[in-house]
Amino acid sequence: MAKGVEDARQMIAVHEHWYHQIEVAPGLVTPGINDSQQILDALRLPERLDGLRVLDIGARDGFFSFECERRGAEVVAIDSMPPEQTGFPIAKELVGSRVEMLQRNVYELSPEEFGTFDLVLFLGVLYHLRDPMLALDRIWSVSRDRLIVETQIIDDALLVAPGQFKRLVDLNPELEKIPLMQFYPGYALNDDPTNVWAPNQAALAAMLEEVGFAVQDQDRLGHRGLAFAERREDWVLEALRHQDRATGSGTA
């Protein structure tokens, strides 16, 4: 890093709302609210990703993009926010990254524009989406191997009143086995109108299987869940996907 520590501090201070905690110099970490290292540890990434293409969806300040690049991957980062409204450009300069962040919505993903990826990271995005199944369809279209999803889940965090949560198992042990999602109208979850849906682990696995991923494993981090999946081919799912997304020009 060419910048001195004091210069780096001043650059970090320019951006008001950091999300990721990125170490940009020894002992100097961006003041994000997300425990990025804890999530990284839970992702079970190989120490080296040489020769792999990685897609980081919802890259925000770039912690996971930069980490995958450090491990040798070719990384494409996208976020619905313009880069200048995130800490990405600042952190990129400070860590000496070459990753470019594109302002794209997950619904815009296509193999024609992006190609395909060996690993897709879909972290902290699913529960913000009004159309989560469409998003997973688009992700499937650009995947050629592994997908890791991290999202709010309701197994240990069914919202019953503002700021009040209950565990599904405490209500009824059978509820953890049934694919369920909770809808958050308005500002219901954390006073944030961008929080829309959260599945339980059973629903998350079922949704991934339904779009063409084979779920290998799942994990929990408090109110958050992770799913590790691999892309598979299924002509029946492809036909159903096409039928659901197609529009007809004929009349009944």
Protein backbone atom coordinates (compact mmCIF):
# COMPACT_ATOMS: atom_id res chain seq x y z
CA MET A 1 0.00 0.00 0.00
CA ALA A 2 1.52 3.27 -1.14
CA LYS A 3 -0.49 5.44 1.23
CA GLY A 4 0.72 6.18 4.74
CA VAL A 5 -1.44 5.20 7.69
CA GLU A 6 -2.56 8.77 8.36
CA ASP A 7 -3.43 9.27 4.69
CA ALA A 8 -5.39 6.01 4.79
CA ARG A 9 -7.30 7.16 7.88
CA GLN A 10 -8.29 10.35 6.11
CA MET A 11 -9.44 8.45 3.04
CA ILE A 12 -11.52 6.08 5.18
CA ALA A 13 -13.12 9.04 6.97
CA VAL A 14 -14.39 10.43 3.66
CA HIS A 15 -16.89 7.58 3.37
CA GLU A 16 -19.60 7.87 6.01
CA HIS A 17 -21.31 4.47 5.98
CA TRP A 18 -18.89 1.54 5.89
CA TYR A 19 -20.43 -1.95 5.94
CA HIS A 20 -17.39 -4.25 5.71
CA GLN A 21 -14.47 -4.42 8.10
CA ILE A 22 -11.47 -4.40 5.76
CA GLU A 23 -7.90 -4.34 7.04
CA VAL A 24 -6.28 -1.83 4.70
CA ALA A 25 -3.00 -1.59 6.67
CA PRO A 26 -1.62 -3.50 9.65
CA GLY A 27 -4.00 -2.71 12.50
CA LEU A 28 -6.10 -0.28 10.42
CA VAL A 29 -9.59 -1.62 9.70
CA THR A 30 -12.53 0.14 8.08
CA PRO A 31 -15.32 0.80 10.62
CA GLY A 32 -17.97 -1.50 9.14
CA ILE A 33 -20.92 -2.88 11.05
CA ASN A 34 -20.54 -6.31 9.44
CA ASP A 35 -18.24 -8.86 11.10
CA SER A 36 -16.71 -9.70 7.73
CA GLN A 37 -13.98 -11.97 9.09
CA GLN A 38 -16.50 -14.12 10.97
CA ILE A 39 -18.49 -14.66 7.78
CA LEU A 40 -15.33 -15.36 5.78
CA ASP A 41 -14.33 -18.03 8.27
CA ALA A 42 -17.74 -19.66 7.83
CA LEU A 43 -17.50 -19.74 4.03
CA ARG A 44 -14.92 -22.58 4.02
CA LEU A 45 -13.08 -21.11 1.04
CA PRO A 46 -9.92 -22.88 -0.12
CA GLU A 47 -6.69 -21.10 0.72
CA ARG A 48 -6.00 -20.77 -3.01
CA LEU A 49 -8.47 -19.98 -5.79
CA ASP A 50 -5.95 -19.76 -8.62
CA GLY A 51 -7.46 -20.15 -12.08
CA LEU A 52 -11.05 -19.72 -10.87
CA ARG A 53 -13.57 -17.07 -11.86
CA VAL A 54 -15.52 -15.71 -8.89
CA LEU A 55 -18.67 -13.57 -8.93
CA ASP A 56 -19.33 -11.48 -5.81
CA ILE A 57 -22.98 -10.37 -5.84
CA GLY A 58 -23.71 -7.43 -3.55
CA ALA A 59 -20.01 -6.63 -3.21
CA ARG A 60 -20.60 -3.37 -1.31
CA ASP A 61 -17.24 -2.26 0.18
CA GLY A 62 -15.42 -5.21 -1.39
CA PHE A 63 -14.17 -7.34 1.51
CA PHE A 64 -14.98 -10.68 -0.15
CA SER A 65 -13.97 -9.52 -3.63
CA PHE A 66 -10.54 -8.47 -2.39
CA GLU A 67 -10.12 -11.65 -0.35
CA CYS A 68 -10.89 -13.90 -3.32
CA GLU A 69 -8.51 -11.86 -5.47
CA ARG A 70 -5.82 -12.23 -2.78
CA ARG A 71 -6.30 -16.00 -3.01
CA GLY A 72 -5.65 -15.94 -6.74
CA ALA A 73 -9.11 -15.73 -8.33
CA GLU A 74 -10.29 -13.58 -11.21
CA VAL A 75 -13.12 -11.64 -9.56
CA VAL A 76 -16.15 -9.85 -10.96
CA ALA A 77 -17.95 -7.69 -8.38
CA ILE A 78 -21.45 -6.31 -8.80
CA ASP A 79 -23.73 -4.24 -6.60
CA SER A 80 -27.00 -2.40 -7.17
CA MET A 81 -25.41 0.70 -5.63
CA PRO A 82 -23.04 2.86 -7.67
CA PRO A 83 -19.43 2.32 -6.52
CA GLU A 84 -19.03 5.93 -5.41
CA GLN A 85 -21.80 5.43 -2.84
CA THR A 86 -19.87 2.58 -1.23
CA GLY A 87 -16.43 2.28 0.28
CA PHE A 88 -15.27 0.07 -2.61
CA PRO A 89 -13.16 2.64 -4.52
CA ILE A 90 -11.40 3.76 -1.34
CA ALA A 91 -10.70 0.24 -0.09
CA LYS A 92 -9.62 -0.85 -3.58
CA GLU A 93 -6.96 1.86 -3.70
CA LEU A 94 -5.78 1.19 -0.17
CA VAL A 95 -5.38 -2.58 -0.62
CA GLY A 96 -4.01 -2.28 -4.16
CA SER A 97 -6.78 -4.33 -5.79
CA ARG A 98 -7.47 -4.55 -9.53
CA VAL A 99 -11.10 -5.71 -9.14
CA GLU A 100 -13.69 -3.53 -10.86
CA MET A 101 -17.15 -3.19 -9.34
CA LEU A 102 -20.03 -2.91 -11.79
CA GLN A 103 -23.36 -1.37 -10.91
CA ARG A 104 -25.69 -4.19 -11.84
CA ASN A 105 -28.79 -5.75 -10.34
CA VAL A 106 -28.76 -9.50 -9.72
CA TYR A 107 -31.79 -9.78 -12.03
CA GLU A 108 -29.61 -8.51 -14.90
CA LEU A 109 -27.15 -11.41 -14.75
CA SER A 110 -26.76 -13.31 -18.00
CA PRO A 111 -24.05 -15.59 -19.42
CA GLU A 112 -24.05 -13.47 -22.58
CA GLU A 113 -22.73 -10.44 -20.67
CA PHE A 114 -20.84 -12.01 -17.79
CA GLY A 115 -19.86 -15.49 -18.90
CA THR A 116 -19.93 -18.20 -16.24
CA PHE A 117 -18.25 -18.59 -12.88
CA ASP A 118 -16.63 -21.39 -10.90
CA LEU A 119 -17.77 -19.83 -7.61
CA VAL A 120 -20.62 -17.42 -6.92
CA LEU A 121 -20.85 -15.61 -3.58
CA PHE A 122 -24.39 -14.42 -2.80
CA LEU A 123 -23.91 -12.95 0.65
CA GLY A 124 -26.38 -10.78 2.55
CA VAL A 125 -28.60 -10.12 -0.48
CA LEU A 126 -31.40 -12.69 -0.73
CA TYR A 127 -33.55 -11.26 2.06
CA HIS A 128 -33.50 -7.81 0.44
CA LEU A 129 -35.12 -9.06 -2.78
CA ARG A 130 -38.75 -8.82 -3.80
CA ASP A 131 -38.25 -11.69 -6.29
CA PRO A 132 -35.80 -14.14 -4.72
CA MET A 133 -36.59 -17.06 -7.04
CA LEU A 134 -35.97 -14.94 -10.14
CA ALA A 135 -32.63 -13.90 -8.65
CA LEU A 136 -31.66 -17.53 -8.06
CA ASP A 137 -32.64 -18.38 -11.64
CA ARG A 138 -30.34 -15.66 -12.91
CA ILE A 139 -27.52 -16.89 -10.67
CA TRP A 140 -27.96 -20.44 -11.95
CA SER A 141 -27.58 -19.15 -15.51
CA VAL A 142 -24.07 -17.80 -14.80
CA SER A 143 -22.90 -20.61 -12.52
CA ARG A 144 -20.85 -23.56 -13.63
CA ASP A 145 -19.95 -25.08 -10.28
CA ARG A 146 -20.29 -23.75 -6.70
CA LEU A 147 -22.63 -21.29 -5.02
CA ILE A 148 -22.50 -20.03 -1.43
CA VAL A 149 -25.55 -18.19 -0.08
CA GLU A 150 -25.62 -16.25 3.19
CA THR A 151 -28.88 -14.67 4.33
CA GLN A 152 -31.20 -13.81 7.18
CA ILE A 153 -33.13 -16.92 8.21
CA ILE A 154 -36.04 -17.41 10.56
CA ASP A 155 -35.18 -20.71 12.29
CA ASP A 156 -33.89 -18.83 15.32
CA ALA A 157 -35.39 -15.46 14.41
CA LEU A 158 -39.09 -15.54 13.55
CA LEU A 159 -40.14 -11.91 13.92
CA VAL A 160 -43.22 -11.74 16.15
CA ALA A 161 -43.12 -8.03 17.05
CA PRO A 162 -40.71 -5.17 16.34
CA GLY A 163 -37.35 -6.30 17.71
CA GLN A 164 -38.82 -9.50 19.18
CA PHE A 165 -37.90 -12.93 17.81
CA LYS A 166 -38.83 -16.51 18.58
CA ARG A 167 -37.28 -19.81 17.53
CA LEU A 168 -39.37 -22.00 15.28
CA VAL A 169 -38.47 -25.06 17.32
CA ASP A 170 -39.92 -23.43 20.45
CA LEU A 171 -43.24 -22.86 18.69
CA ASN A 172 -43.33 -26.32 17.13
CA PRO A 173 -40.37 -28.60 16.34
CA GLU A 174 -42.02 -29.54 13.03
CA LEU A 175 -41.75 -25.97 11.74
CA GLU A 176 -38.01 -26.30 11.09
CA LYS A 177 -38.71 -29.18 8.70
CA ILE A 178 -41.32 -27.33 6.62
CA PRO A 179 -40.11 -24.87 3.93
CA LEU A 180 -41.32 -21.50 5.24
CA MET A 181 -40.63 -17.84 4.49
CA GLN A 182 -41.53 -14.74 6.45
CA PHE A 183 -42.51 -11.53 4.65
CA TYR A 184 -41.43 -8.22 6.17
CA PRO A 185 -43.84 -5.43 5.20
CA GLY A 186 -42.64 -1.86 5.40
CA TYR A 187 -40.02 -1.32 8.10
CA ALA A 188 -40.83 -4.51 10.03
CA LEU A 189 -37.30 -5.97 10.24
CA ASN A 190 -34.68 -3.72 11.83
CA ASP A 191 -36.59 -0.62 10.73
CA ASP A 192 -35.23 -1.21 7.21
CA PRO A 193 -37.66 -1.13 4.25
CA THR A 194 -35.18 -3.05 2.07
CA ASN A 195 -35.67 -6.21 4.18
CA VAL A 196 -38.38 -8.18 2.38
CA TRP A 197 -38.25 -11.98 2.75
CA ALA A 198 -36.38 -14.46 4.93
CA PRO A 199 -36.59 -18.26 4.62
CA ASN A 200 -35.98 -20.96 7.15
CA GLN A 201 -33.15 -23.34 6.31
CA ALA A 202 -35.57 -25.86 4.84
CA ALA A 203 -37.00 -23.23 2.48
CA LEU A 204 -33.56 -21.98 1.48
CA ALA A 205 -32.49 -25.50 0.54
CA ALA A 206 -35.76 -26.14 -1.30
CA MET A 207 -35.49 -22.89 -3.27
CA LEU A 208 -31.94 -23.70 -4.36
CA GLU A 209 -32.91 -27.23 -5.37
CA GLU A 210 -35.91 -25.88 -7.27
CA VAL A 211 -33.78 -23.66 -9.52
CA GLY A 212 -31.16 -26.31 -10.22
CA PHE A 213 -28.61 -26.39 -7.41
CA ALA A 214 -27.77 -29.44 -5.32
CA VAL A 215 -27.36 -28.36 -1.69
CA GLN A 216 -24.31 -29.99 -0.13
CA ASP A 217 -24.45 -28.50 3.36
CA GLN A 218 -25.93 -25.72 5.50
CA ASP A 219 -24.84 -23.81 8.58
CA ARG A 220 -26.15 -21.15 10.98
CA LEU A 221 -24.62 -18.00 12.40
CA GLY A 222 -27.17 -16.67 14.87
CA HIS A 223 -29.98 -15.13 12.83
CA ARG A 224 -28.11 -15.88 9.62
CA GLY A 225 -27.81 -19.04 7.58
CA LEU A 226 -25.43 -20.36 4.95
CA ALA A 227 -26.03 -22.83 2.16
CA PHE A 228 -23.32 -24.52 0.10
CA ALA A 229 -24.52 -25.78 -3.27
CA GLU A 230 -23.38 -27.05 -6.65
CA ARG A 231 -24.98 -26.42 -10.01
CA ARG A 232 -26.67 -29.34 -11.73
CA GLU A 233 -28.45 -29.84 -15.02
CA ASP A 234 -32.14 -30.80 -15.07
CA TRP A 235 -34.13 -30.47 -18.29
CA VAL A 236 -37.44 -30.57 -16.39
CA LEU A 237 -36.45 -27.58 -14.27
CA GLU A 238 -35.22 -25.80 -17.38
CA ALA A 239 -38.55 -26.37 -19.10
CA LEU A 240 -40.48 -25.14 -16.07
CA ARG A 241 -38.24 -22.09 -15.80
CA HIS A 242 -38.80 -21.25 -19.46
CA GLN A 243 -42.55 -21.75 -19.17
CA ASP A 244 -42.79 -19.55 -16.07
CA ARG A 245 -40.75 -16.70 -17.58
CA ALA A 246 -42.17 -16.87 -21.11
CA THR A 247 -44.85 -14.56 -22.48
CA GLY A 248 -47.43 -15.60 -25.02
CA SER A 249 -48.74 -13.62 -27.95
CA GLY A 250 -51.81 -15.69 -28.66
CA THR A 251 -55.33 -15.19 -27.35
CA ALA A 252 -57.36 -17.65 -25.32
